Amino acid sequence: MRQARLALGRDADRVERVWVVDDAADPDPALLREHEGLTVARAARGLVDPLPLAPGYIYVVDPLGSLMMRFPGEPDGRRMLRDLARLLRVSRIG
């Protein structure tokens, strides 16, 4: 995901990476250092999840909270880049 975001060129700043953690464990600090600019968000327990997120996938969510795309955990980078570029080209938000 990091490489696909950078490959977007001038549109890279329109994409934010967020890792949603759904347990009490803290992510490995070394891993976080490898992914500069990654935001870690902890999912609140007991609240109704507004998005149907399943573990092991990469999701694209727009700034309004709408689920736009879902990719497998190990996506084909070229196809992901093509899909992201197309989405950003037609998007009027974000």
N, C-alpha and C. Protein backbone atom coordinates (compact mmCIF):
# COMPACT_ATOMS: atom_id res chain seq x y z
N MET A 1 0.83 -1.19 0.00
CA MET A 1 0.00 0.00 0.00
C MET A 1 0.87 1.24 0.00
N ARG A 2 1.96 1.20 0.75
CA ARG A 2 2.86 2.35 0.79
C ARG A 2 3.39 2.68 -0.60
N GLN A 3 3.80 1.65 -1.34
CA GLN A 3 4.36 1.87 -2.67
C GLN A 3 3.30 2.32 -3.66
N ALA A 4 2.10 1.76 -3.56
CA ALA A 4 1.02 2.17 -4.46
C ALA A 4 0.68 3.63 -4.22
N ARG A 5 0.65 4.05 -2.96
CA ARG A 5 0.35 5.45 -2.64
C ARG A 5 1.41 6.38 -3.23
N LEU A 6 2.68 6.04 -3.07
CA LEU A 6 3.75 6.88 -3.61
C LEU A 6 3.73 6.91 -5.14
N ALA A 7 3.34 5.80 -5.76
CA ALA A 7 3.29 5.73 -7.22
C ALA A 7 2.19 6.61 -7.80
N LEU A 8 1.28 7.08 -6.98
CA LEU A 8 0.21 7.96 -7.46
C LEU A 8 0.74 9.34 -7.83
N GLY A 9 1.98 9.63 -7.44
CA GLY A 9 2.59 10.91 -7.80
C GLY A 9 1.92 12.08 -7.13
N ARG A 10 1.45 13.02 -7.93
CA ARG A 10 0.85 14.25 -7.37
C ARG A 10 -0.41 13.98 -6.57
N ASP A 11 -1.07 12.85 -6.79
CA ASP A 11 -2.28 12.50 -6.04
C ASP A 11 -1.97 11.75 -4.74
N ALA A 12 -0.71 11.48 -4.46
CA ALA A 12 -0.34 10.71 -3.27
C ALA A 12 -0.83 11.38 -1.99
N ASP A 13 -0.84 12.71 -1.95
CA ASP A 13 -1.27 13.40 -0.74
C ASP A 13 -2.78 13.31 -0.52
N ARG A 14 -3.52 12.78 -1.49
CA ARG A 14 -4.96 12.58 -1.34
C ARG A 14 -5.29 11.25 -0.66
N VAL A 15 -4.28 10.43 -0.43
CA VAL A 15 -4.48 9.10 0.16
C VAL A 15 -3.80 9.05 1.52
N GLU A 16 -4.55 8.71 2.54
CA GLU A 16 -4.02 8.53 3.90
C GLU A 16 -4.09 7.04 4.24
N ARG A 17 -3.06 6.53 4.88
CA ARG A 17 -3.05 5.12 5.30
C ARG A 17 -3.37 5.03 6.78
N VAL A 18 -4.35 4.20 7.11
CA VAL A 18 -4.77 4.01 8.50
C VAL A 18 -4.82 2.51 8.77
N TRP A 19 -4.18 2.10 9.84
CA TRP A 19 -4.20 0.70 10.28
C TRP A 19 -5.17 0.63 11.45
N VAL A 20 -6.27 -0.10 11.29
CA VAL A 20 -7.26 -0.24 12.34
C VAL A 20 -6.91 -1.46 13.17
N VAL A 21 -6.62 -1.22 14.45
CA VAL A 21 -6.24 -2.28 15.39
C VAL A 21 -7.47 -2.59 16.24
N ASP A 22 -7.83 -3.88 16.30
CA ASP A 22 -9.05 -4.22 17.03
C ASP A 22 -8.80 -5.04 18.29
N ASP A 23 -7.57 -5.00 18.78
CA ASP A 23 -7.29 -5.68 20.05
C ASP A 23 -6.49 -4.74 20.95
N ALA A 24 -6.12 -5.22 22.12
CA ALA A 24 -5.44 -4.37 23.10
C ALA A 24 -3.93 -4.29 22.86
N ALA A 25 -3.39 -5.13 22.00
CA ALA A 25 -1.95 -5.13 21.77
C ALA A 25 -1.50 -3.89 21.00
N ASP A 26 -0.33 -3.40 21.35
CA ASP A 26 0.24 -2.27 20.63
C ASP A 26 1.06 -2.78 19.45
N PRO A 27 0.96 -2.11 18.29
CA PRO A 27 1.78 -2.51 17.14
C PRO A 27 3.26 -2.37 17.45
N ASP A 28 4.06 -3.20 16.83
CA ASP A 28 5.51 -3.20 17.01
C ASP A 28 6.07 -1.84 16.56
N PRO A 29 6.79 -1.13 17.45
CA PRO A 29 7.34 0.18 17.07
C PRO A 29 8.28 0.12 15.87
N ALA A 30 9.02 -0.98 15.72
CA ALA A 30 9.92 -1.11 14.57
C ALA A 30 9.12 -1.16 13.27
N LEU A 31 7.98 -1.84 13.30
CA LEU A 31 7.12 -1.91 12.12
C LEU A 31 6.56 -0.53 11.79
N LEU A 32 6.18 0.20 12.79
CA LEU A 32 5.63 1.55 12.57
C LEU A 32 6.70 2.48 12.00
N ARG A 33 7.94 2.31 12.42
CA ARG A 33 9.03 3.15 11.87
C ARG A 33 9.24 2.86 10.38
N GLU A 34 9.00 1.63 9.95
CA GLU A 34 9.15 1.27 8.55
C GLU A 34 8.07 1.89 7.68
N HIS A 35 6.95 2.26 8.28
CA HIS A 35 5.80 2.79 7.54
C HIS A 35 5.52 4.22 7.97
N GLU A 36 6.43 5.10 7.64
CA GLU A 36 6.29 6.51 8.00
C GLU A 36 4.99 7.07 7.43
N GLY A 37 4.28 7.83 8.24
CA GLY A 37 3.03 8.44 7.82
C GLY A 37 1.80 7.58 8.05
N LEU A 38 2.01 6.36 8.53
CA LEU A 38 0.89 5.46 8.81
C LEU A 38 0.22 5.87 10.12
N THR A 39 -1.09 5.99 10.10
CA THR A 39 -1.86 6.32 11.30
C THR A 39 -2.44 5.03 11.86
N VAL A 40 -2.31 4.83 13.17
CA VAL A 40 -2.89 3.66 13.82
C VAL A 40 -4.12 4.12 14.57
N ALA A 41 -5.25 3.46 14.30
CA ALA A 41 -6.51 3.77 14.98
C ALA A 41 -6.98 2.51 15.70
N ARG A 42 -7.41 2.68 16.92
CA ARG A 42 -7.90 1.55 17.70
C ARG A 42 -9.42 1.53 17.61
N ALA A 43 -9.95 0.39 17.16
CA ALA A 43 -11.41 0.23 17.05
C ALA A 43 -12.00 0.14 18.45
N ALA A 44 -13.06 0.86 18.66
CA ALA A 44 -13.74 0.85 19.97
C ALA A 44 -14.55 -0.42 20.11
N ARG A 45 -14.38 -1.10 21.22
CA ARG A 45 -15.14 -2.32 21.50
C ARG A 45 -16.56 -1.96 21.94
N GLY A 46 -17.51 -2.77 21.52
CA GLY A 46 -18.88 -2.60 21.98
C GLY A 46 -19.70 -1.61 21.18
N LEU A 47 -19.09 -0.90 20.26
CA LEU A 47 -19.84 0.03 19.43
C LEU A 47 -20.22 -0.65 18.13
N VAL A 48 -21.30 -0.23 17.54
CA VAL A 48 -21.69 -0.76 16.25
C VAL A 48 -20.70 -0.26 15.21
N ASP A 49 -20.10 -1.17 14.47
CA ASP A 49 -19.12 -0.80 13.45
C ASP A 49 -19.85 -0.25 12.23
N PRO A 50 -19.58 1.00 11.85
CA PRO A 50 -20.28 1.57 10.70
C PRO A 50 -19.82 0.97 9.38
N LEU A 51 -18.65 0.32 9.35
CA LEU A 51 -18.15 -0.28 8.12
C LEU A 51 -18.01 -1.79 8.32
N PRO A 52 -18.38 -2.58 7.32
CA PRO A 52 -18.25 -4.04 7.43
C PRO A 52 -16.82 -4.48 7.13
N LEU A 53 -15.90 -4.28 8.05
CA LEU A 53 -14.50 -4.60 7.84
C LEU A 53 -14.19 -6.01 8.29
N ALA A 54 -13.53 -6.76 7.43
CA ALA A 54 -13.06 -8.10 7.77
C ALA A 54 -11.54 -8.05 7.82
N PRO A 55 -10.92 -8.77 8.76
CA PRO A 55 -9.47 -8.75 8.86
C PRO A 55 -8.80 -9.32 7.61
N GLY A 56 -7.61 -8.83 7.32
CA GLY A 56 -6.83 -9.36 6.22
C GLY A 56 -7.06 -8.69 4.88
N TYR A 57 -7.79 -7.61 4.85
CA TYR A 57 -8.05 -6.90 3.60
C TYR A 57 -7.58 -5.46 3.71
N ILE A 58 -7.41 -4.83 2.57
CA ILE A 58 -7.09 -3.41 2.48
C ILE A 58 -8.35 -2.73 1.96
N TYR A 59 -8.81 -1.72 2.68
CA TYR A 59 -10.04 -1.02 2.31
C TYR A 59 -9.72 0.41 1.90
N VAL A 60 -10.49 0.91 0.95
CA VAL A 60 -10.43 2.32 0.55
C VAL A 60 -11.75 2.93 1.00
N VAL A 61 -11.63 3.93 1.88
CA VAL A 61 -12.80 4.62 2.43
C VAL A 61 -12.65 6.10 2.10
N ASP A 62 -13.71 6.72 1.62
CA ASP A 62 -13.62 8.13 1.27
C ASP A 62 -13.73 8.99 2.54
N PRO A 63 -13.44 10.30 2.43
CA PRO A 63 -13.49 11.17 3.62
C PRO A 63 -14.85 11.25 4.29
N LEU A 64 -15.90 10.87 3.60
CA LEU A 64 -17.24 10.89 4.19
C LEU A 64 -17.57 9.58 4.90
N GLY A 65 -16.64 8.61 4.85
CA GLY A 65 -16.85 7.33 5.53
C GLY A 65 -17.49 6.26 4.66
N SER A 66 -17.62 6.51 3.37
CA SER A 66 -18.19 5.51 2.47
C SER A 66 -17.13 4.52 2.03
N LEU A 67 -17.45 3.24 2.12
CA LEU A 67 -16.55 2.18 1.67
C LEU A 67 -16.54 2.18 0.15
N MET A 68 -15.36 2.38 -0.45
CA MET A 68 -15.25 2.50 -1.89
C MET A 68 -14.73 1.22 -2.55
N MET A 69 -13.69 0.61 -1.98
CA MET A 69 -13.07 -0.57 -2.58
C MET A 69 -12.51 -1.47 -1.49
N ARG A 70 -12.31 -2.74 -1.84
CA ARG A 70 -11.66 -3.68 -0.95
C ARG A 70 -10.66 -4.48 -1.78
N PHE A 71 -9.45 -4.60 -1.27
CA PHE A 71 -8.40 -5.37 -1.92
C PHE A 71 -7.97 -6.50 -1.00
N PRO A 72 -7.47 -7.61 -1.56
CA PRO A 72 -6.94 -8.67 -0.70
C PRO A 72 -5.72 -8.17 0.06
N GLY A 73 -5.35 -8.84 1.13
CA GLY A 73 -4.23 -8.42 1.96
C GLY A 73 -2.90 -8.35 1.22
N GLU A 74 -2.73 -9.17 0.20
CA GLU A 74 -1.53 -9.16 -0.65
C GLU A 74 -1.98 -8.87 -2.08
N PRO A 75 -2.32 -7.62 -2.39
CA PRO A 75 -2.89 -7.30 -3.70
C PRO A 75 -1.83 -7.26 -4.80
N ASP A 76 -2.30 -7.34 -6.04
CA ASP A 76 -1.46 -7.08 -7.21
C ASP A 76 -1.26 -5.57 -7.25
N GLY A 77 -0.05 -5.11 -7.03
CA GLY A 77 0.23 -3.68 -6.91
C GLY A 77 -0.17 -2.87 -8.13
N ARG A 78 0.05 -3.42 -9.31
CA ARG A 78 -0.29 -2.68 -10.53
C ARG A 78 -1.79 -2.49 -10.67
N ARG A 79 -2.54 -3.54 -10.38
CA ARG A 79 -3.99 -3.43 -10.47
C ARG A 79 -4.53 -2.47 -9.41
N MET A 80 -3.95 -2.53 -8.20
CA MET A 80 -4.38 -1.62 -7.14
C MET A 80 -4.10 -0.18 -7.54
N LEU A 81 -2.93 0.07 -8.07
CA LEU A 81 -2.56 1.42 -8.50
C LEU A 81 -3.51 1.92 -9.59
N ARG A 82 -3.82 1.06 -10.55
CA ARG A 82 -4.73 1.44 -11.63
C ARG A 82 -6.11 1.79 -11.07
N ASP A 83 -6.61 0.96 -10.14
CA ASP A 83 -7.93 1.22 -9.55
C ASP A 83 -7.94 2.50 -8.72
N LEU A 84 -6.88 2.72 -7.93
CA LEU A 84 -6.80 3.95 -7.12
C LEU A 84 -6.72 5.19 -8.00
N ALA A 85 -5.90 5.12 -9.05
CA ALA A 85 -5.77 6.27 -9.95
C ALA A 85 -7.10 6.59 -10.61
N ARG A 86 -7.83 5.56 -11.02
CA ARG A 86 -9.14 5.77 -11.65
C ARG A 86 -10.12 6.40 -10.65
N LEU A 87 -10.13 5.89 -9.42
CA LEU A 87 -11.02 6.43 -8.39
C LEU A 87 -10.70 7.90 -8.11
N LEU A 88 -9.43 8.22 -7.96
CA LEU A 88 -9.05 9.61 -7.68
C LEU A 88 -9.35 10.53 -8.85
N ARG A 89 -9.26 10.02 -10.06
CA ARG A 89 -9.55 10.84 -11.24
C ARG A 89 -11.02 11.25 -11.27
N VAL A 90 -11.92 10.37 -10.88
CA VAL A 90 -13.35 10.69 -10.95
C VAL A 90 -13.91 11.24 -9.64
N SER A 91 -13.13 11.18 -8.58
CA SER A 91 -13.61 11.64 -7.27
C SER A 91 -13.60 13.15 -7.19
N ARG A 92 -14.60 13.70 -6.56
CA ARG A 92 -14.67 15.15 -6.35
C ARG A 92 -14.40 15.51 -4.89
N ILE A 93 -14.12 14.49 -4.07
CA ILE A 93 -13.80 14.73 -2.66
C ILE A 93 -12.46 14.11 -2.34
N GLY A 94 -11.83 14.56 -1.28
CA GLY A 94 -10.59 13.94 -0.83
C GLY A 94 -9.37 14.38 -1.48
